N, C-alpha and C. Protein backbone atom coordinates (compact mmCIF):
# COMPACT_ATOMS: atom_id res chain seq x y z
N MET A 1 -45.90 13.59 16.78
CA MET A 1 -44.97 12.75 16.53
C MET A 1 -43.74 13.85 15.94
N ALA A 2 -42.68 13.56 16.47
CA ALA A 2 -41.34 14.58 16.46
C ALA A 2 -40.36 13.93 15.14
N LYS A 3 -40.09 14.61 14.53
CA LYS A 3 -38.84 14.33 13.52
C LYS A 3 -37.55 14.49 14.18
N TYR A 4 -36.70 13.43 13.62
CA TYR A 4 -35.53 13.46 13.72
C TYR A 4 -34.68 12.85 12.60
N THR A 5 -33.34 13.30 12.21
CA THR A 5 -32.52 13.25 11.40
C THR A 5 -31.58 11.94 11.66
N LEU A 6 -31.20 11.16 10.69
CA LEU A 6 -30.28 10.18 11.09
C LEU A 6 -29.15 10.33 10.29
N LEU A 7 -28.10 10.70 10.71
CA LEU A 7 -26.89 11.79 9.76
C LEU A 7 -25.70 10.55 9.57
N ILE A 8 -25.58 9.74 8.83
CA ILE A 8 -24.93 9.09 8.19
C ILE A 8 -23.44 9.31 8.00
N TYR A 9 -22.49 9.21 8.61
CA TYR A 9 -20.89 9.55 8.40
C TYR A 9 -20.17 7.96 8.48
N GLY A 10 -19.17 7.99 7.68
CA GLY A 10 -18.31 7.09 7.33
C GLY A 10 -16.94 7.43 6.74
N ASP A 11 -16.14 6.65 6.66
CA ASP A 11 -14.91 6.79 5.85
C ASP A 11 -15.12 6.57 4.34
N PHE A 12 -15.43 7.24 3.10
CA PHE A 12 -15.64 6.89 1.59
C PHE A 12 -14.88 5.89 1.17
N GLU A 13 -13.33 6.12 1.37
CA GLU A 13 -12.46 4.97 0.75
C GLU A 13 -12.92 3.56 1.23
N GLN A 14 -13.65 3.49 2.60
CA GLN A 14 -13.78 2.32 3.33
C GLN A 14 -15.20 1.64 2.53
N TRP A 15 -16.31 2.73 2.42
CA TRP A 15 -17.68 2.46 1.47
C TRP A 15 -17.05 1.82 0.07
N GLU A 16 -16.05 2.66 -0.85
CA GLU A 16 -15.84 2.43 -2.00
C GLU A 16 -14.97 0.88 -2.20
N ALA A 17 -14.06 0.85 -0.94
CA ALA A 17 -13.44 -0.66 -0.93
C ALA A 17 -14.03 -2.14 -0.67
N MET A 18 -15.37 -1.63 -0.30
CA MET A 18 -16.48 -3.15 -0.46
C MET A 18 -16.41 -3.86 -1.56
N THR A 19 -16.59 -5.01 -0.92
CA THR A 19 -16.82 -6.56 -2.30
C THR A 19 -18.12 -6.10 -2.69
N PRO A 20 -18.05 -6.60 -3.48
CA PRO A 20 -19.61 -6.69 -4.24
C PRO A 20 -20.61 -7.15 -3.14
N GLU A 21 -20.06 -8.49 -2.46
CA GLU A 21 -21.24 -9.07 -1.47
C GLU A 21 -20.88 -8.38 -0.13
N ARG A 22 -20.26 -7.44 0.39
CA ARG A 22 -20.42 -7.25 1.29
C ARG A 22 -20.82 -5.37 0.90
N ARG A 23 -21.10 -5.36 -0.22
CA ARG A 23 -22.04 -3.73 -0.79
C ARG A 23 -23.43 -4.54 -0.31
N LYS A 24 -23.66 -5.86 -1.08
CA LYS A 24 -24.84 -6.48 -1.14
C LYS A 24 -25.61 -6.19 0.39
N GLU A 25 -24.78 -6.95 1.09
CA GLU A 25 -25.35 -7.30 2.82
C GLU A 25 -25.66 -5.43 3.25
N HIS A 26 -24.62 -4.87 2.91
CA HIS A 26 -24.95 -3.40 3.59
C HIS A 26 -26.17 -2.45 2.90
N ASP A 27 -26.40 -3.43 1.66
CA ASP A 27 -27.54 -2.20 1.04
C ASP A 27 -29.26 -3.46 1.66
N ARG A 28 -28.90 -4.43 2.00
CA ARG A 28 -30.12 -5.36 2.55
C ARG A 28 -30.12 -4.52 3.46
N ALA A 29 -29.25 -4.49 4.67
CA ALA A 29 -29.36 -4.09 5.95
C ALA A 29 -30.36 -2.45 5.86
N HIS A 30 -29.89 -1.44 4.89
CA HIS A 30 -30.74 -0.38 4.76
C HIS A 30 -32.08 -0.64 4.47
N GLU A 31 -32.17 -2.08 3.24
CA GLU A 31 -33.63 -2.17 3.16
C GLU A 31 -34.67 -2.88 4.03
N GLU A 32 -33.84 -3.61 5.28
CA GLU A 32 -34.52 -4.08 6.35
C GLU A 32 -34.86 -2.93 7.12
N PHE A 33 -33.69 -2.01 7.06
CA PHE A 33 -34.08 -0.40 8.41
C PHE A 33 -35.39 0.23 7.69
N ARG A 34 -35.78 0.49 6.17
CA ARG A 34 -36.54 0.82 5.78
C ARG A 34 -37.75 0.07 5.66
N ALA A 35 -37.86 -1.20 5.39
CA ALA A 35 -39.14 -2.30 5.64
C ALA A 35 -39.43 -1.74 7.33
N ALA A 36 -38.29 -1.50 8.50
CA ALA A 36 -38.99 -1.38 9.68
C ALA A 36 -39.47 -0.69 10.24
N ALA A 37 -39.00 0.53 9.38
CA ALA A 37 -39.36 1.87 9.85
C ALA A 37 -40.66 2.20 8.85
N GLY A 38 -41.14 1.84 7.79
CA GLY A 38 -42.36 1.74 7.21
C GLY A 38 -42.48 3.39 7.14
N SER A 39 -43.74 3.75 7.09
CA SER A 39 -43.91 5.10 6.87
C SER A 39 -43.30 5.99 7.87
N ARG A 40 -43.03 5.60 9.05
CA ARG A 40 -41.86 6.86 10.00
C ARG A 40 -40.77 7.35 8.99
N VAL A 41 -40.43 6.81 7.90
CA VAL A 41 -39.47 7.35 6.85
C VAL A 41 -40.17 8.48 6.23
N VAL A 42 -39.23 9.85 6.34
CA VAL A 42 -40.06 10.58 5.20
C VAL A 42 -39.38 11.14 4.42
N GLY A 43 -38.03 10.83 4.53
CA GLY A 43 -37.33 11.28 3.45
C GLY A 43 -35.86 10.61 3.84
N GLY A 44 -35.01 10.60 2.85
CA GLY A 44 -33.59 10.14 2.87
C GLY A 44 -32.96 10.01 1.48
N GLU A 45 -31.58 10.13 1.58
CA GLU A 45 -30.95 9.97 0.25
C GLU A 45 -29.28 9.66 0.87
N GLU A 46 -28.72 8.89 -0.56
CA GLU A 46 -27.23 8.60 0.23
C GLU A 46 -26.74 9.60 -1.29
N LEU A 47 -25.51 10.37 -0.31
CA LEU A 47 -24.98 11.60 -0.79
C LEU A 47 -23.71 11.21 -1.82
N GLU A 48 -23.29 11.85 -2.31
CA GLU A 48 -22.15 12.06 -3.62
C GLU A 48 -20.86 12.12 -2.25
N PRO A 49 -19.85 12.01 -2.54
CA PRO A 49 -18.63 11.95 -1.74
C PRO A 49 -18.66 13.50 -1.72
N ALA A 50 -17.91 13.76 -0.40
CA ALA A 50 -17.51 14.40 0.13
C ALA A 50 -16.42 15.59 -0.94
N VAL A 51 -15.81 15.30 -1.71
CA VAL A 51 -15.03 15.78 -2.48
C VAL A 51 -15.64 16.75 -3.47
N SER A 52 -17.01 16.18 -3.56
CA SER A 52 -17.61 17.14 -4.82
C SER A 52 -18.44 17.99 -3.97
N ALA A 53 -18.46 18.48 -2.58
CA ALA A 53 -19.02 18.98 -2.22
C ALA A 53 -18.33 20.45 -2.54
N THR A 54 -19.23 21.23 -2.26
CA THR A 54 -19.05 23.05 -2.19
C THR A 54 -19.30 23.86 -1.06
N THR A 55 -18.51 24.07 -0.42
CA THR A 55 -18.60 24.71 1.08
C THR A 55 -18.75 26.39 0.91
N LEU A 56 -19.77 26.84 1.56
CA LEU A 56 -19.89 28.35 1.36
C LEU A 56 -19.55 28.85 2.87
N ARG A 57 -18.80 30.13 3.20
CA ARG A 57 -18.56 30.35 4.22
C ARG A 57 -18.34 32.22 4.22
N ALA A 58 -18.95 32.80 5.34
CA ALA A 58 -18.83 34.45 5.08
C ALA A 58 -17.06 34.67 5.50
N PRO A 59 -16.57 35.58 5.11
CA PRO A 59 -17.40 36.42 3.81
C PRO A 59 -17.39 36.56 2.70
N ASP A 60 -18.06 35.51 2.31
CA ASP A 60 -18.13 35.61 0.23
C ASP A 60 -16.91 34.54 0.25
N VAL A 61 -16.52 33.58 1.01
CA VAL A 61 -15.57 32.61 0.78
C VAL A 61 -16.55 31.13 0.20
N THR A 62 -16.12 30.66 -1.02
CA THR A 62 -16.33 29.68 -1.65
C THR A 62 -15.41 28.61 -1.67
N THR A 63 -15.49 27.69 -1.21
CA THR A 63 -14.16 25.91 -1.60
C THR A 63 -14.66 24.94 -2.20
N ASP A 64 -13.89 24.32 -2.54
CA ASP A 64 -14.54 23.09 -3.34
C ASP A 64 -14.46 22.08 -2.12
N GLY A 65 -14.89 20.77 -2.06
CA GLY A 65 -14.93 19.81 -1.12
C GLY A 65 -15.32 20.38 0.25
N PRO A 66 -14.84 19.15 1.46
CA PRO A 66 -15.21 19.87 2.50
C PRO A 66 -14.44 20.66 3.13
N TYR A 67 -15.06 21.38 4.20
CA TYR A 67 -14.79 22.37 4.56
C TYR A 67 -13.10 21.95 5.95
N LEU A 68 -13.86 20.91 6.34
CA LEU A 68 -12.70 20.28 7.26
C LEU A 68 -11.96 19.09 6.59
N GLU A 69 -10.80 19.06 7.25
CA GLU A 69 -10.15 17.68 6.99
C GLU A 69 -10.66 16.48 7.57
N THR A 70 -11.19 15.67 7.59
CA THR A 70 -11.61 14.55 8.19
C THR A 70 -11.88 13.06 7.47
N LYS A 71 -11.47 12.14 7.91
CA LYS A 71 -11.93 11.03 7.34
C LYS A 71 -13.26 10.70 7.20
N GLU A 72 -13.96 10.82 8.07
CA GLU A 72 -15.37 10.52 8.32
C GLU A 72 -15.73 11.59 7.84
N ALA A 73 -17.24 11.22 6.60
CA ALA A 73 -17.97 12.30 6.37
C ALA A 73 -19.20 12.17 5.77
N LEU A 74 -20.03 13.25 6.05
CA LEU A 74 -21.78 12.60 5.85
C LEU A 74 -21.67 11.85 4.66
N GLY A 75 -22.60 10.88 4.46
CA GLY A 75 -22.62 9.86 3.02
C GLY A 75 -23.87 9.90 3.15
N GLY A 76 -24.72 10.12 3.73
CA GLY A 76 -26.20 10.01 3.48
C GLY A 76 -27.28 10.48 4.95
N PHE A 77 -28.35 10.16 4.80
CA PHE A 77 -29.31 10.72 5.85
C PHE A 77 -30.86 10.26 5.49
N TYR A 78 -31.38 10.15 6.78
CA TYR A 78 -32.81 9.46 6.67
C TYR A 78 -33.52 10.86 7.29
N LEU A 79 -34.78 10.92 6.97
CA LEU A 79 -35.66 12.19 8.07
C LEU A 79 -36.78 11.10 8.24
N ILE A 80 -36.74 10.69 9.63
CA ILE A 80 -37.76 9.96 10.34
C ILE A 80 -38.92 10.74 11.15
N GLU A 81 -40.10 9.92 11.62
CA GLU A 81 -40.97 10.69 12.08
C GLU A 81 -41.07 9.43 13.59
N ALA A 82 -41.09 9.73 14.63
CA ALA A 82 -41.26 8.91 15.85
C ALA A 82 -41.78 9.41 16.96
N GLY A 83 -41.87 8.33 17.65
CA GLY A 83 -42.90 9.02 19.38
C GLY A 83 -41.96 9.76 20.25
N ASP A 84 -40.98 8.74 20.24
CA ASP A 84 -39.92 9.42 21.30
C ASP A 84 -38.44 8.74 20.62
N LEU A 85 -37.36 8.94 21.48
CA LEU A 85 -35.86 9.05 21.23
C LEU A 85 -35.65 7.20 21.27
N ASP A 86 -36.14 6.86 22.16
CA ASP A 86 -35.93 5.54 22.41
C ASP A 86 -36.51 4.54 20.72
N GLU A 87 -37.46 5.17 20.34
CA GLU A 87 -37.97 4.55 19.39
C GLU A 87 -37.02 4.64 18.26
N VAL A 88 -36.27 5.92 17.91
CA VAL A 88 -35.35 6.31 17.03
C VAL A 88 -34.40 5.60 17.02
N LEU A 89 -34.03 5.13 17.91
CA LEU A 89 -32.64 4.27 18.49
C LEU A 89 -32.66 2.98 18.20
N ALA A 90 -33.72 2.26 18.57
CA ALA A 90 -34.19 0.84 18.13
C ALA A 90 -34.31 0.72 16.71
N LEU A 91 -34.51 1.83 15.93
CA LEU A 91 -34.69 1.84 14.27
C LEU A 91 -33.19 1.86 14.03
N ALA A 92 -32.29 3.06 14.40
CA ALA A 92 -31.28 3.15 13.85
C ALA A 92 -29.75 1.86 14.08
N ALA A 93 -30.62 1.45 15.38
CA ALA A 93 -29.78 -0.19 15.62
C ALA A 93 -29.67 -0.76 14.13
N LEU A 94 -30.64 -0.84 13.56
CA LEU A 94 -30.58 -1.97 12.34
C LEU A 94 -29.58 -1.19 10.96
N LEU A 95 -29.22 0.02 11.26
CA LEU A 95 -28.35 0.46 10.07
C LEU A 95 -26.99 0.09 10.33
N PRO A 96 -26.41 -0.38 9.13
CA PRO A 96 -24.98 -1.18 9.21
C PRO A 96 -23.94 -0.10 9.59
N GLU A 97 -24.19 1.20 9.36
CA GLU A 97 -22.99 2.06 9.90
C GLU A 97 -23.03 2.07 11.12
N VAL A 98 -23.89 1.71 12.20
CA VAL A 98 -23.54 1.50 13.72
C VAL A 98 -23.00 0.38 14.41
N ARG A 99 -22.26 -0.83 12.96
CA ARG A 99 -21.84 -2.02 13.47
C ARG A 99 -20.15 -1.79 12.46
N ASP A 100 -20.07 -1.03 11.94
CA ASP A 100 -18.62 -0.59 10.67
C ASP A 100 -18.04 0.07 11.64
N GLY A 101 -16.94 -0.46 11.83
CA GLY A 101 -16.00 0.53 12.85
C GLY A 101 -15.54 1.99 12.12
N HIS A 102 -15.71 2.30 10.64
CA HIS A 102 -15.32 3.22 10.09
C HIS A 102 -16.28 4.45 10.18
N SER A 103 -17.82 4.20 10.99
CA SER A 103 -18.83 4.95 10.50
C SER A 103 -19.81 4.82 11.55
N GLY A 104 -20.31 5.63 11.57
CA GLY A 104 -21.38 5.90 12.68
C GLY A 104 -22.67 6.69 12.40
N VAL A 105 -23.72 6.80 13.30
CA VAL A 105 -25.02 7.34 12.56
C VAL A 105 -25.19 8.49 14.17
N GLU A 106 -25.54 9.70 13.30
CA GLU A 106 -25.77 10.69 14.41
C GLU A 106 -27.02 10.88 14.46
N ILE A 107 -28.11 10.97 15.41
CA ILE A 107 -29.67 11.34 15.65
C ILE A 107 -29.78 12.73 16.15
N ARG A 108 -30.57 13.35 15.38
CA ARG A 108 -30.29 14.89 15.59
C ARG A 108 -31.83 15.24 15.42
N PRO A 109 -32.87 15.66 16.78
CA PRO A 109 -33.96 16.06 16.33
C PRO A 109 -34.38 16.96 15.76
N VAL A 110 -35.27 17.29 14.99
CA VAL A 110 -35.57 18.63 13.99
C VAL A 110 -36.59 19.61 14.82
N VAL A 111 -35.65 20.80 14.54
CA VAL A 111 -36.91 21.92 15.88
C VAL A 111 -38.15 22.20 14.71
N ASP A 112 -38.97 21.92 15.65
CA ASP A 112 -40.45 22.37 15.22
C ASP A 112 -40.68 23.71 15.26
N HIS A 113 -40.99 24.46 13.98
CA HIS A 113 -41.44 25.90 14.58
C HIS A 113 -42.85 26.24 14.37
N GLY A 114 -43.92 25.11 14.16
CA GLY A 114 -45.21 25.18 13.77
C GLY A 114 -45.85 24.92 15.49
């Protein structure tokens, strides 16, 4: 089994503007994803807004917030194990960010150094 990260990007203002009903639908979709993926989910977390980030760059530069100016920021991630990319694509299609106009999911294989 290979490992893949599902990086969830979106517009924080859009996420914050969700009505309570829309937030419940959104959360329910993530619950459905986790139920469908089962033990293939190795880890994952929702992240604090990008404005809370600290960025380190060479040479010895530390800045508050994200390095790049962009509306879409990394909002969370899942780490999953799957047999192939097709399996990952089928699971990722369950995530609400795939359907929302202001967000998306980037799938990246994890390098196996072992």
